[in-house]
Amino acid sequence: MTDTELQLLVEELSQQYFQVPFLHRAYFNSRLKTTGGRYLLRTHNIELNKQLYEHFGIEELRGIILHELCHYHLHIRGMGYKHRDQDFRLLLKKVGAPRFCSSIEEKDKKRIITIHTYQCINCKRLYSRKRKMNVSKYRCSYCNGAIRLINSEKFE
């Protein structure tokens, strides 16, 4: 689905469920990872997660669009558009929009962690860190000796 097709779908759903036209832009944002979509208060545009559409299909996308359109129409009218507002919850129920979108399983994404091991040159104390550090800026906290990188191991 292209951004143009998405725009037409959002306009159609707005007219069908809210009987009010959608006058702003709707588009896919590839940077969205943890949310299905978002309504932008300043521009009134709607951004949607393309990965969720590709993973779950058009029905999930329709639910996300309806959710974001609830934010949009309530904000435009000056009513409670936030998740905790009564106006928002009632409108969600009225149009049948989900409160939360489905999430892509974390099993699909393998997480690799790198552990960096450092050692003091004087007292031989070991330090383990997830983040790599600049050894010229840090000293041993026990003897104030210089620190050097021993190894970096990757774990799944």
Protein backbone atom coordinates (compact mmCIF):
# COMPACT_ATOMS: atom_id res chain seq x y z
CA MET A 1 0.00 0.00 0.00
CA THR A 2 1.32 3.42 -0.92
CA ASP A 3 0.88 6.69 0.97
CA THR A 4 -1.67 7.82 -1.63
CA GLU A 5 -3.79 4.69 -1.13
CA LEU A 6 -3.47 5.14 2.63
CA GLN A 7 -4.64 8.76 2.36
CA LEU A 8 -7.74 7.64 0.42
CA LEU A 9 -8.47 4.92 2.99
CA VAL A 10 -8.23 7.38 5.90
CA GLU A 11 -10.51 9.87 4.12
CA GLU A 12 -13.02 7.10 3.37
CA LEU A 13 -13.04 5.81 6.98
CA SER A 14 -13.39 9.34 8.35
CA GLN A 15 -16.43 9.98 6.18
CA GLN A 16 -17.95 6.55 6.88
CA TYR A 17 -17.54 6.45 10.69
CA PHE A 18 -17.48 10.15 11.68
CA GLN A 19 -19.43 11.79 8.81
CA VAL A 20 -16.73 14.50 8.76
CA PRO A 21 -13.98 14.82 6.12
CA PHE A 22 -10.33 14.27 7.00
CA LEU A 23 -8.58 17.41 5.75
CA HIS A 24 -4.93 16.66 6.56
CA ARG A 25 -2.23 14.15 5.58
CA ALA A 26 -1.97 10.49 6.50
CA TYR A 27 1.22 8.59 5.69
CA PHE A 28 3.45 5.69 6.72
CA ASN A 29 6.39 6.46 9.00
CA SER A 30 9.05 3.75 8.83
CA ARG A 31 10.65 4.97 12.07
CA LEU A 32 7.65 3.92 14.19
CA LYS A 33 8.55 0.71 16.03
CA THR A 34 6.57 0.48 19.27
CA THR A 35 3.28 2.13 18.32
CA GLY A 36 0.69 1.49 15.64
CA GLY A 37 0.29 5.13 14.74
CA ARG A 38 0.21 8.63 16.09
CA TYR A 39 -1.81 11.78 15.68
CA LEU A 40 0.33 14.92 15.51
CA LEU A 41 -1.25 17.79 17.44
CA ARG A 42 0.52 20.66 15.68
CA THR A 43 0.03 19.57 12.08
CA HIS A 44 -3.09 17.37 12.55
CA ASN A 45 -1.41 14.72 10.39
CA ILE A 46 -1.57 10.99 11.13
CA GLU A 47 1.49 8.74 10.93
CA LEU A 48 1.07 4.96 10.73
CA ASN A 49 3.40 2.01 11.26
CA LYS A 50 3.90 0.14 7.99
CA GLN A 51 5.41 -2.91 9.70
CA LEU A 52 2.16 -3.60 11.56
CA TYR A 53 0.24 -3.38 8.30
CA GLU A 54 2.63 -5.82 6.61
CA HIS A 55 2.57 -8.19 9.59
CA PHE A 56 -1.16 -8.18 10.47
CA GLY A 57 -2.93 -6.93 7.35
CA ILE A 58 -5.62 -4.44 6.42
CA GLU A 59 -8.01 -5.11 9.33
CA GLU A 60 -5.40 -4.19 11.93
CA LEU A 61 -4.56 -1.08 9.93
CA ARG A 62 -8.24 -0.07 9.82
CA GLY A 63 -8.43 -0.35 13.61
CA ILE A 64 -5.33 1.79 14.05
CA ILE A 65 -6.68 4.40 11.62
CA LEU A 66 -10.01 4.56 13.49
CA HIS A 67 -8.13 5.00 16.78
CA GLU A 68 -6.07 7.88 15.39
CA LEU A 69 -9.14 9.44 13.76
CA CYS A 70 -10.79 9.50 17.22
CA HIS A 71 -7.83 11.58 18.46
CA TYR A 72 -8.08 13.78 15.36
CA HIS A 73 -11.81 14.55 15.42
CA LEU A 74 -11.97 15.11 19.18
CA HIS A 75 -8.95 17.44 19.11
CA ILE A 76 -10.38 19.44 16.20
CA ARG A 77 -13.68 19.86 18.12
CA GLY A 78 -11.88 20.91 21.32
CA MET A 79 -13.02 17.85 23.27
CA GLY A 80 -11.01 15.37 25.37
CA TYR A 81 -8.73 13.62 22.87
CA LYS A 82 -6.29 11.92 25.29
CA HIS A 83 -6.43 8.22 26.17
CA ARG A 84 -7.64 8.87 29.71
CA ASP A 85 -10.47 11.24 28.67
CA GLN A 86 -14.07 10.08 28.83
CA ASP A 87 -14.90 11.61 25.42
CA PHE A 88 -12.12 9.58 23.81
CA ARG A 89 -13.15 6.28 25.41
CA LEU A 90 -16.81 6.75 24.45
CA LEU A 91 -15.95 7.56 20.84
CA LEU A 92 -13.65 4.50 20.64
CA LYS A 93 -16.55 2.28 21.73
CA LYS A 94 -18.97 4.00 19.38
CA VAL A 95 -16.86 3.39 16.25
CA GLY A 96 -15.45 0.03 17.42
CA ALA A 97 -11.82 1.11 17.39
CA PRO A 98 -9.29 -0.78 19.53
CA ARG A 99 -7.69 0.95 22.51
CA PHE A 100 -4.34 -0.75 21.82
CA CYS A 101 -2.90 -2.27 18.66
CA SER A 102 -1.45 -5.76 18.40
CA SER A 103 2.27 -6.06 18.94
CA ILE A 104 4.80 -7.90 16.84
CA GLU A 105 6.26 -10.71 18.94
CA GLU A 106 9.69 -10.13 20.39
CA LYS A 107 10.53 -13.71 19.36
CA ASP A 108 10.79 -12.49 15.77
CA LYS A 109 13.54 -10.06 16.75
CA LYS A 110 16.75 -11.56 18.13
CA ARG A 111 18.49 -9.27 20.54
CA ILE A 112 22.29 -9.42 20.64
CA ILE A 113 24.05 -7.92 23.65
CA THR A 114 27.75 -7.12 23.71
CA ILE A 115 29.58 -7.21 27.05
CA HIS A 116 32.88 -5.31 27.19
CA THR A 117 35.37 -6.41 29.85
CA TYR A 118 37.96 -3.94 31.15
CA GLN A 119 40.85 -4.48 33.59
CA CYS A 120 42.91 -2.17 35.77
CA ILE A 121 46.60 -2.34 34.89
CA ASN A 122 47.73 -1.94 38.55
CA CYS A 123 45.35 -3.96 40.75
CA LYS A 124 43.94 -6.25 38.00
CA ARG A 125 40.30 -5.51 39.02
CA LEU A 126 37.76 -6.41 36.30
CA TYR A 127 34.92 -4.19 35.08
CA SER A 128 32.07 -5.42 32.84
CA ARG A 129 30.03 -2.92 30.84
CA LYS A 130 27.30 -3.09 28.20
CA ARG A 131 28.44 0.19 26.70
CA LYS A 132 31.89 0.66 25.30
CA MET A 133 33.86 3.37 27.11
CA ASN A 134 36.82 5.56 26.28
CA VAL A 135 39.61 4.14 28.49
CA SER A 136 41.62 7.35 28.33
CA LYS A 137 38.87 9.21 30.22
CA TYR A 138 38.38 6.75 33.09
CA ARG A 139 40.53 5.37 35.92
CA CYS A 140 40.21 2.46 38.35
CA SER A 141 37.89 3.36 41.24
CA TYR A 142 40.04 1.47 43.77
CA CYS A 143 43.68 2.33 42.99
CA ASN A 144 43.32 5.11 40.36
CA GLY A 145 45.26 2.99 37.85
CA ALA A 146 44.81 3.04 34.09
CA ILE A 147 42.14 0.80 32.54
CA ARG A 148 42.43 -1.30 29.38
CA LEU A 149 39.95 -3.28 27.28
CA ILE A 150 40.38 -7.05 27.70
CA ASN A 151 37.68 -8.41 25.37
CA SER A 152 34.18 -7.92 23.94
CA GLU A 153 31.76 -10.87 23.86
CA LYS A 154 28.41 -11.06 22.06
CA PHE A 155 25.43 -12.88 23.60
CA GLU A 156 21.94 -13.62 22.27
